Amino acid sequence: MRIALLIFAFAFSAAHAAEPRVSGADAKAIRAVVQGQLDAFAGDDAAKAFSYATPGIHAQFGSPEVFMAMVREGYAVMLSPASIQFLPPAIEAGQMIQLVRLTDAAGRVWLARYVMEKQKGGAWRVGGCSLAPTADTAA
């Protein structure tokens, strides 16, 4: 029994140690990109908001105007959230993820899950985002 516990503890610590960590510099850069895009949404600056997206997103939507229309249609809370809370970025299944809690004007809380991609030059860009309501409401 004791050996089994030791083996389990070793396996757990080895797996946990192998889990990639997000550097402080990457966390800061990722937050700046997401905040920049949110600021561009709030300012109705389609070109600037689109500039924070990856080439794949550019190819998918084709133009800043089409991109912004999609945001208006399916991501309205991102246009003018009452509050924004960044959670620590994490690496999940090899993808860099930035979670952001957004509160809308009615007090509903949403969770945005940004998939971030590091570009060849080292800059981070938004490779996708999903948005889901939570059971929480703003206090």
N, C-alpha and C. Protein backbone atom coordinates (compact mmCIF):
# COMPACT_ATOMS: atom_id res chain seq x y z
N MET A 1 0.83 -1.19 0.00
CA MET A 1 0.00 0.00 0.00
C MET A 1 0.88 1.25 0.00
N ARG A 2 1.90 1.24 0.84
CA ARG A 2 2.78 2.39 0.94
C ARG A 2 3.53 2.63 -0.37
N ILE A 3 3.96 1.56 -1.00
CA ILE A 3 4.66 1.68 -2.28
C ILE A 3 3.72 2.24 -3.34
N ALA A 4 2.48 1.78 -3.34
CA ALA A 4 1.51 2.29 -4.32
C ALA A 4 1.29 3.78 -4.13
N LEU A 5 1.22 4.23 -2.89
CA LEU A 5 1.05 5.66 -2.63
C LEU A 5 2.27 6.45 -3.09
N LEU A 6 3.45 5.92 -2.87
CA LEU A 6 4.67 6.59 -3.32
C LEU A 6 4.72 6.67 -4.84
N ILE A 7 4.34 5.59 -5.50
CA ILE A 7 4.33 5.59 -6.97
C ILE A 7 3.32 6.61 -7.46
N PHE A 8 2.12 6.65 -6.86
CA PHE A 8 1.11 7.61 -7.26
C PHE A 8 1.61 9.04 -7.03
N ALA A 9 2.20 9.30 -5.88
CA ALA A 9 2.70 10.64 -5.57
C ALA A 9 3.79 11.05 -6.56
N PHE A 10 4.67 10.13 -6.90
CA PHE A 10 5.73 10.43 -7.86
C PHE A 10 5.14 10.72 -9.23
N ALA A 11 4.21 9.88 -9.67
CA ALA A 11 3.59 10.07 -10.98
C ALA A 11 2.84 11.39 -11.04
N PHE A 12 2.12 11.74 -9.97
CA PHE A 12 1.38 12.99 -9.93
C PHE A 12 2.34 14.17 -9.98
N SER A 13 3.40 14.14 -9.20
CA SER A 13 4.34 15.27 -9.17
C SER A 13 5.10 15.37 -10.49
N ALA A 14 5.43 14.25 -11.12
CA ALA A 14 6.12 14.29 -12.41
C ALA A 14 5.21 14.88 -13.49
N ALA A 15 3.95 14.48 -13.48
CA ALA A 15 3.01 15.01 -14.47
C ALA A 15 2.79 16.49 -14.24
N HIS A 16 2.66 16.88 -12.97
CA HIS A 16 2.45 18.28 -12.64
C HIS A 16 3.67 19.12 -13.00
N ALA A 17 4.85 18.59 -12.77
CA ALA A 17 6.08 19.31 -13.09
C ALA A 17 6.25 19.47 -14.60
N ALA A 18 5.75 18.52 -15.37
CA ALA A 18 5.89 18.57 -16.83
C ALA A 18 4.88 19.54 -17.46
N GLU A 19 3.88 19.94 -16.67
CA GLU A 19 2.87 20.87 -17.18
C GLU A 19 3.53 22.21 -17.50
N PRO A 20 3.36 22.69 -18.74
CA PRO A 20 4.01 23.95 -19.09
C PRO A 20 3.45 25.12 -18.30
N ARG A 21 4.29 26.05 -18.02
CA ARG A 21 3.91 27.25 -17.28
C ARG A 21 3.90 28.45 -18.23
N VAL A 22 3.08 29.42 -17.90
CA VAL A 22 3.02 30.65 -18.68
C VAL A 22 3.96 31.64 -18.03
N SER A 23 4.90 32.15 -18.82
CA SER A 23 5.86 33.12 -18.27
C SER A 23 5.15 34.43 -17.97
N GLY A 24 5.74 35.20 -17.07
CA GLY A 24 5.19 36.52 -16.75
C GLY A 24 5.15 37.42 -17.97
N ALA A 25 6.17 37.35 -18.81
CA ALA A 25 6.21 38.18 -20.01
C ALA A 25 5.10 37.79 -20.98
N ASP A 26 4.88 36.48 -21.16
CA ASP A 26 3.80 36.04 -22.04
C ASP A 26 2.44 36.44 -21.48
N ALA A 27 2.25 36.28 -20.17
CA ALA A 27 0.97 36.65 -19.55
C ALA A 27 0.68 38.13 -19.76
N LYS A 28 1.69 38.95 -19.58
CA LYS A 28 1.53 40.40 -19.76
C LYS A 28 1.21 40.74 -21.22
N ALA A 29 1.91 40.11 -22.15
CA ALA A 29 1.70 40.37 -23.58
C ALA A 29 0.31 39.90 -24.02
N ILE A 30 -0.11 38.75 -23.54
CA ILE A 30 -1.43 38.22 -23.88
C ILE A 30 -2.53 39.14 -23.36
N ARG A 31 -2.39 39.56 -22.13
CA ARG A 31 -3.39 40.47 -21.55
C ARG A 31 -3.46 41.77 -22.36
N ALA A 32 -2.32 42.29 -22.77
CA ALA A 32 -2.30 43.53 -23.55
C ALA A 32 -3.03 43.36 -24.88
N VAL A 33 -2.86 42.21 -25.52
CA VAL A 33 -3.54 41.95 -26.80
C VAL A 33 -5.05 41.87 -26.59
N VAL A 34 -5.48 41.10 -25.61
CA VAL A 34 -6.92 40.94 -25.37
C VAL A 34 -7.52 42.28 -24.93
N GLN A 35 -6.85 43.00 -24.05
CA GLN A 35 -7.35 44.30 -23.62
C GLN A 35 -7.40 45.28 -24.79
N GLY A 36 -6.39 45.23 -25.64
CA GLY A 36 -6.38 46.09 -26.82
C GLY A 36 -7.56 45.81 -27.73
N GLN A 37 -7.87 44.53 -27.91
CA GLN A 37 -9.01 44.18 -28.76
C GLN A 37 -10.31 44.63 -28.11
N LEU A 38 -10.46 44.43 -26.81
CA LEU A 38 -11.66 44.87 -26.12
C LEU A 38 -11.81 46.39 -26.21
N ASP A 39 -10.70 47.11 -26.07
CA ASP A 39 -10.73 48.57 -26.21
C ASP A 39 -11.15 48.97 -27.62
N ALA A 40 -10.65 48.26 -28.61
CA ALA A 40 -11.03 48.55 -30.00
C ALA A 40 -12.51 48.26 -30.23
N PHE A 41 -13.02 47.18 -29.65
CA PHE A 41 -14.45 46.90 -29.75
C PHE A 41 -15.26 48.06 -29.15
N ALA A 42 -14.86 48.48 -27.95
CA ALA A 42 -15.57 49.57 -27.26
C ALA A 42 -15.54 50.86 -28.07
N GLY A 43 -14.46 51.09 -28.79
CA GLY A 43 -14.33 52.28 -29.62
C GLY A 43 -14.89 52.12 -31.01
N ASP A 44 -15.50 50.99 -31.27
CA ASP A 44 -16.06 50.66 -32.60
C ASP A 44 -15.00 50.80 -33.70
N ASP A 45 -13.78 50.39 -33.38
CA ASP A 45 -12.66 50.45 -34.32
C ASP A 45 -12.42 49.06 -34.89
N ALA A 46 -13.14 48.75 -35.96
CA ALA A 46 -13.08 47.42 -36.55
C ALA A 46 -11.68 47.06 -37.02
N ALA A 47 -10.99 47.99 -37.66
CA ALA A 47 -9.64 47.71 -38.18
C ALA A 47 -8.67 47.37 -37.04
N LYS A 48 -8.74 48.12 -35.97
CA LYS A 48 -7.83 47.86 -34.84
C LYS A 48 -8.18 46.53 -34.17
N ALA A 49 -9.48 46.28 -33.96
CA ALA A 49 -9.90 45.01 -33.35
C ALA A 49 -9.43 43.83 -34.19
N PHE A 50 -9.57 43.95 -35.50
CA PHE A 50 -9.17 42.89 -36.43
C PHE A 50 -7.65 42.69 -36.42
N SER A 51 -6.91 43.75 -36.14
CA SER A 51 -5.44 43.67 -36.15
C SER A 51 -4.91 42.75 -35.05
N TYR A 52 -5.69 42.50 -34.02
CA TYR A 52 -5.27 41.63 -32.93
C TYR A 52 -5.54 40.15 -33.22
N ALA A 53 -6.14 39.86 -34.34
CA ALA A 53 -6.48 38.48 -34.71
C ALA A 53 -5.36 37.85 -35.54
N THR A 54 -5.34 36.54 -35.55
CA THR A 54 -4.35 35.78 -36.31
C THR A 54 -4.63 35.85 -37.81
N PRO A 55 -3.65 35.50 -38.62
CA PRO A 55 -3.89 35.40 -40.06
C PRO A 55 -5.04 34.44 -40.40
N GLY A 56 -5.20 33.39 -39.62
CA GLY A 56 -6.31 32.45 -39.85
C GLY A 56 -7.66 33.11 -39.68
N ILE A 57 -7.79 33.96 -38.68
CA ILE A 57 -9.04 34.71 -38.47
C ILE A 57 -9.22 35.71 -39.61
N HIS A 58 -8.14 36.34 -40.04
CA HIS A 58 -8.23 37.26 -41.18
C HIS A 58 -8.75 36.54 -42.41
N ALA A 59 -8.23 35.35 -42.66
CA ALA A 59 -8.67 34.57 -43.82
C ALA A 59 -10.13 34.15 -43.68
N GLN A 60 -10.54 33.80 -42.48
CA GLN A 60 -11.91 33.35 -42.24
C GLN A 60 -12.93 34.46 -42.47
N PHE A 61 -12.63 35.68 -42.01
CA PHE A 61 -13.60 36.76 -42.09
C PHE A 61 -13.36 37.71 -43.26
N GLY A 62 -12.15 37.79 -43.74
CA GLY A 62 -11.87 38.58 -44.93
C GLY A 62 -11.70 40.06 -44.75
N SER A 63 -12.46 40.67 -43.85
CA SER A 63 -12.35 42.12 -43.67
C SER A 63 -12.71 42.49 -42.24
N PRO A 64 -12.21 43.64 -41.78
CA PRO A 64 -12.56 44.10 -40.44
C PRO A 64 -14.07 44.30 -40.26
N GLU A 65 -14.74 44.73 -41.31
CA GLU A 65 -16.17 45.00 -41.22
C GLU A 65 -16.98 43.72 -41.01
N VAL A 66 -16.62 42.67 -41.71
CA VAL A 66 -17.30 41.38 -41.54
C VAL A 66 -17.00 40.83 -40.15
N PHE A 67 -15.77 40.96 -39.72
CA PHE A 67 -15.37 40.52 -38.38
C PHE A 67 -16.19 41.25 -37.31
N MET A 68 -16.28 42.56 -37.44
CA MET A 68 -17.00 43.37 -36.45
C MET A 68 -18.50 43.05 -36.46
N ALA A 69 -19.06 42.76 -37.62
CA ALA A 69 -20.47 42.36 -37.70
C ALA A 69 -20.70 41.07 -36.93
N MET A 70 -19.76 40.13 -37.03
CA MET A 70 -19.86 38.87 -36.29
C MET A 70 -19.81 39.14 -34.79
N VAL A 71 -18.93 40.04 -34.35
CA VAL A 71 -18.82 40.37 -32.93
C VAL A 71 -20.13 41.01 -32.46
N ARG A 72 -20.67 41.93 -33.20
CA ARG A 72 -21.94 42.58 -32.82
C ARG A 72 -23.07 41.56 -32.70
N GLU A 73 -23.08 40.59 -33.59
CA GLU A 73 -24.15 39.59 -33.62
C GLU A 73 -24.04 38.56 -32.49
N GLY A 74 -22.86 38.05 -32.26
CA GLY A 74 -22.72 36.94 -31.31
C GLY A 74 -21.94 37.22 -30.04
N TYR A 75 -21.33 38.38 -29.93
CA TYR A 75 -20.47 38.69 -28.79
C TYR A 75 -20.75 40.09 -28.26
N ALA A 76 -22.00 40.49 -28.19
CA ALA A 76 -22.38 41.85 -27.85
C ALA A 76 -21.79 42.33 -26.52
N VAL A 77 -21.68 41.45 -25.53
CA VAL A 77 -21.13 41.86 -24.23
C VAL A 77 -19.71 42.39 -24.37
N MET A 78 -19.00 41.96 -25.39
CA MET A 78 -17.61 42.39 -25.57
C MET A 78 -17.51 43.82 -26.10
N LEU A 79 -18.60 44.35 -26.60
CA LEU A 79 -18.57 45.70 -27.16
C LEU A 79 -18.50 46.77 -26.08
N SER A 80 -19.20 46.57 -24.99
CA SER A 80 -19.16 47.56 -23.90
C SER A 80 -19.49 46.88 -22.57
N PRO A 81 -18.59 46.03 -22.10
CA PRO A 81 -18.85 45.35 -20.82
C PRO A 81 -18.85 46.34 -19.65
N ALA A 82 -19.69 46.05 -18.67
CA ALA A 82 -19.72 46.87 -17.46
C ALA A 82 -18.46 46.63 -16.63
N SER A 83 -17.94 45.40 -16.69
CA SER A 83 -16.68 45.10 -16.00
C SER A 83 -15.95 43.98 -16.73
N ILE A 84 -14.64 43.97 -16.53
CA ILE A 84 -13.76 42.98 -17.14
C ILE A 84 -12.82 42.46 -16.06
N GLN A 85 -12.70 41.14 -15.96
CA GLN A 85 -11.76 40.53 -15.01
C GLN A 85 -10.95 39.48 -15.75
N PHE A 86 -9.64 39.68 -15.79
CA PHE A 86 -8.75 38.70 -16.41
C PHE A 86 -8.39 37.63 -15.40
N LEU A 87 -8.54 36.38 -15.79
CA LEU A 87 -8.08 35.26 -14.99
C LEU A 87 -6.68 34.90 -15.47
N PRO A 88 -5.89 34.18 -14.70
CA PRO A 88 -4.53 33.84 -15.16
C PRO A 88 -4.57 33.00 -16.45
N PRO A 89 -3.70 33.30 -17.40
CA PRO A 89 -3.65 32.47 -18.61
C PRO A 89 -3.14 31.08 -18.25
N ALA A 90 -3.47 30.12 -19.08
CA ALA A 90 -3.05 28.74 -18.84
C ALA A 90 -2.83 28.03 -20.17
N ILE A 91 -2.09 26.96 -20.10
CA ILE A 91 -1.88 26.12 -21.28
C ILE A 91 -2.75 24.88 -21.11
N GLU A 92 -3.66 24.68 -22.06
CA GLU A 92 -4.56 23.53 -22.04
C GLU A 92 -4.41 22.78 -23.34
N ALA A 93 -4.06 21.52 -23.25
CA ALA A 93 -3.91 20.67 -24.44
C ALA A 93 -3.02 21.34 -25.49
N GLY A 94 -1.96 21.97 -25.02
CA GLY A 94 -0.99 22.60 -25.92
C GLY A 94 -1.40 23.97 -26.44
N GLN A 95 -2.56 24.47 -26.03
CA GLN A 95 -3.02 25.78 -26.47
C GLN A 95 -2.93 26.79 -25.33
N MET A 96 -2.52 28.01 -25.67
CA MET A 96 -2.50 29.09 -24.69
C MET A 96 -3.92 29.65 -24.58
N ILE A 97 -4.45 29.66 -23.38
CA ILE A 97 -5.82 30.09 -23.14
C ILE A 97 -5.83 31.27 -22.17
N GLN A 98 -6.59 32.30 -22.54
CA GLN A 98 -6.81 33.43 -21.64
C GLN A 98 -8.31 33.49 -21.35
N LEU A 99 -8.67 33.32 -20.09
CA LEU A 99 -10.06 33.43 -19.68
C LEU A 99 -10.33 34.85 -19.18
N VAL A 100 -11.48 35.39 -19.57
CA VAL A 100 -11.87 36.73 -19.16
C VAL A 100 -13.34 36.70 -18.74
N ARG A 101 -13.60 37.19 -17.54
CA ARG A 101 -14.98 37.32 -17.06
C ARG A 101 -15.48 38.71 -17.43
N LEU A 102 -16.62 38.75 -18.11
CA LEU A 102 -17.21 40.02 -18.54
C LEU A 102 -18.60 40.13 -17.92
N THR A 103 -18.94 41.31 -17.45
CA THR A 103 -20.28 41.56 -16.94
C THR A 103 -20.98 42.51 -17.89
N ASP A 104 -22.20 42.16 -18.28
CA ASP A 104 -22.94 43.04 -19.18
C ASP A 104 -23.73 44.08 -18.38
N ALA A 105 -24.41 44.99 -19.07
CA ALA A 105 -25.14 46.08 -18.43
C ALA A 105 -26.26 45.58 -17.52
N ALA A 106 -26.79 44.39 -17.79
CA ALA A 106 -27.87 43.82 -16.97
C ALA A 106 -27.33 43.06 -15.75
N GLY A 107 -26.01 42.99 -15.61
CA GLY A 107 -25.42 42.30 -14.47
C GLY A 107 -25.15 40.83 -14.70
N ARG A 108 -25.40 40.33 -15.92
CA ARG A 108 -25.09 38.93 -16.22
C ARG A 108 -23.58 38.79 -16.43
N VAL A 109 -23.05 37.67 -15.99
CA VAL A 109 -21.61 37.42 -16.10
C VAL A 109 -21.37 36.39 -17.20
N TRP A 110 -20.41 36.68 -18.03
CA TRP A 110 -20.03 35.84 -19.17
C TRP A 110 -18.58 35.44 -19.02
N LEU A 111 -18.23 34.28 -19.56
CA LEU A 111 -16.84 33.83 -19.58
C LEU A 111 -16.38 33.72 -21.03
N ALA A 112 -15.37 34.53 -21.35
CA ALA A 112 -14.77 34.48 -22.69
C ALA A 112 -13.51 33.63 -22.59
N ARG A 113 -13.39 32.70 -23.51
CA ARG A 113 -12.23 31.79 -23.56
C ARG A 113 -11.47 32.10 -24.85
N TYR A 114 -10.39 32.85 -24.70
CA TYR A 114 -9.56 33.23 -25.84
C TYR A 114 -8.49 32.17 -26.09
N VAL A 115 -8.37 31.75 -27.33
CA VAL A 115 -7.26 30.89 -27.74
C VAL A 115 -6.23 31.83 -28.36
N MET A 116 -5.06 31.84 -27.75
CA MET A 116 -4.01 32.75 -28.18
C MET A 116 -2.95 31.98 -28.97
N GLU A 117 -2.43 32.63 -30.00
CA GLU A 117 -1.40 32.00 -30.82
C GLU A 117 -0.20 32.94 -30.95
N LYS A 118 0.98 32.39 -30.67
CA LYS A 118 2.20 33.17 -30.81
C LYS A 118 2.63 33.13 -32.28
N GLN A 119 2.87 34.29 -32.84
CA GLN A 119 3.24 34.40 -34.24
C GLN A 119 4.75 34.24 -34.41
N LYS A 120 5.20 34.06 -35.65
CA LYS A 120 6.62 33.84 -35.92
C LYS A 120 7.51 34.94 -35.36
N GLY A 121 7.05 36.17 -35.39
CA GLY A 121 7.83 37.29 -34.87
C GLY A 121 7.79 37.41 -33.36
N GLY A 122 7.00 36.55 -32.71
CA GLY A 122 6.92 36.55 -31.25
C GLY A 122 5.69 37.24 -30.69
N ALA A 123 4.92 37.93 -31.53
CA ALA A 123 3.72 38.63 -31.05
C ALA A 123 2.58 37.63 -30.82
N TRP A 124 1.78 37.89 -29.81
CA TRP A 124 0.60 37.08 -29.54
C TRP A 124 -0.59 37.66 -30.29
N ARG A 125 -1.45 36.78 -30.80
CA ARG A 125 -2.66 37.19 -31.49
C ARG A 125 -3.80 36.26 -31.08
N VAL A 126 -5.02 36.77 -31.23
CA VAL A 126 -6.22 36.01 -30.88
C VAL A 126 -6.52 35.06 -32.03
N GLY A 127 -6.54 33.76 -31.72
CA GLY A 127 -6.82 32.74 -32.73
C GLY A 127 -8.25 32.24 -32.68
N GLY A 128 -9.01 32.71 -31.71
CA GLY A 128 -10.40 32.31 -31.57
C GLY A 128 -10.90 32.69 -30.19
N CYS A 129 -12.21 32.76 -30.07
CA CYS A 129 -12.80 33.10 -28.78
C CYS A 129 -14.18 32.47 -28.71
N SER A 130 -14.46 31.85 -27.59
CA SER A 130 -15.82 31.37 -27.33
C SER A 130 -16.35 32.11 -26.13
N LEU A 131 -17.64 32.30 -26.10
CA LEU A 131 -18.27 33.09 -25.05
C LEU A 131 -19.46 32.31 -24.52
N ALA A 132 -19.55 32.22 -23.19
CA ALA A 132 -20.66 31.48 -22.59
C ALA A 132 -21.15 32.22 -21.35
N PRO A 133 -22.45 32.23 -21.14
CA PRO A 133 -22.97 32.83 -19.90
C PRO A 133 -22.62 31.94 -18.72
N THR A 134 -22.49 32.54 -17.55
CA THR A 134 -22.29 31.77 -16.33
C THR A 134 -23.55 31.88 -15.49
N ALA A 135 -23.59 31.15 -14.41
CA ALA A 135 -24.71 31.23 -13.50
C ALA A 135 -24.58 32.42 -12.56
N ASP A 136 -23.43 33.10 -12.61
CA ASP A 136 -23.16 34.22 -11.71
C ASP A 136 -23.88 35.48 -12.18
N THR A 137 -24.10 36.36 -11.22
CA THR A 137 -24.55 37.72 -11.52
C THR A 137 -23.65 38.67 -10.76
N ALA A 138 -23.52 39.86 -11.28
CA ALA A 138 -22.66 40.85 -10.62
C ALA A 138 -23.28 41.26 -9.30
N ALA A 139 -22.42 41.47 -8.34
CA ALA A 139 -22.90 41.86 -7.00
C ALA A 139 -23.11 43.35 -6.93
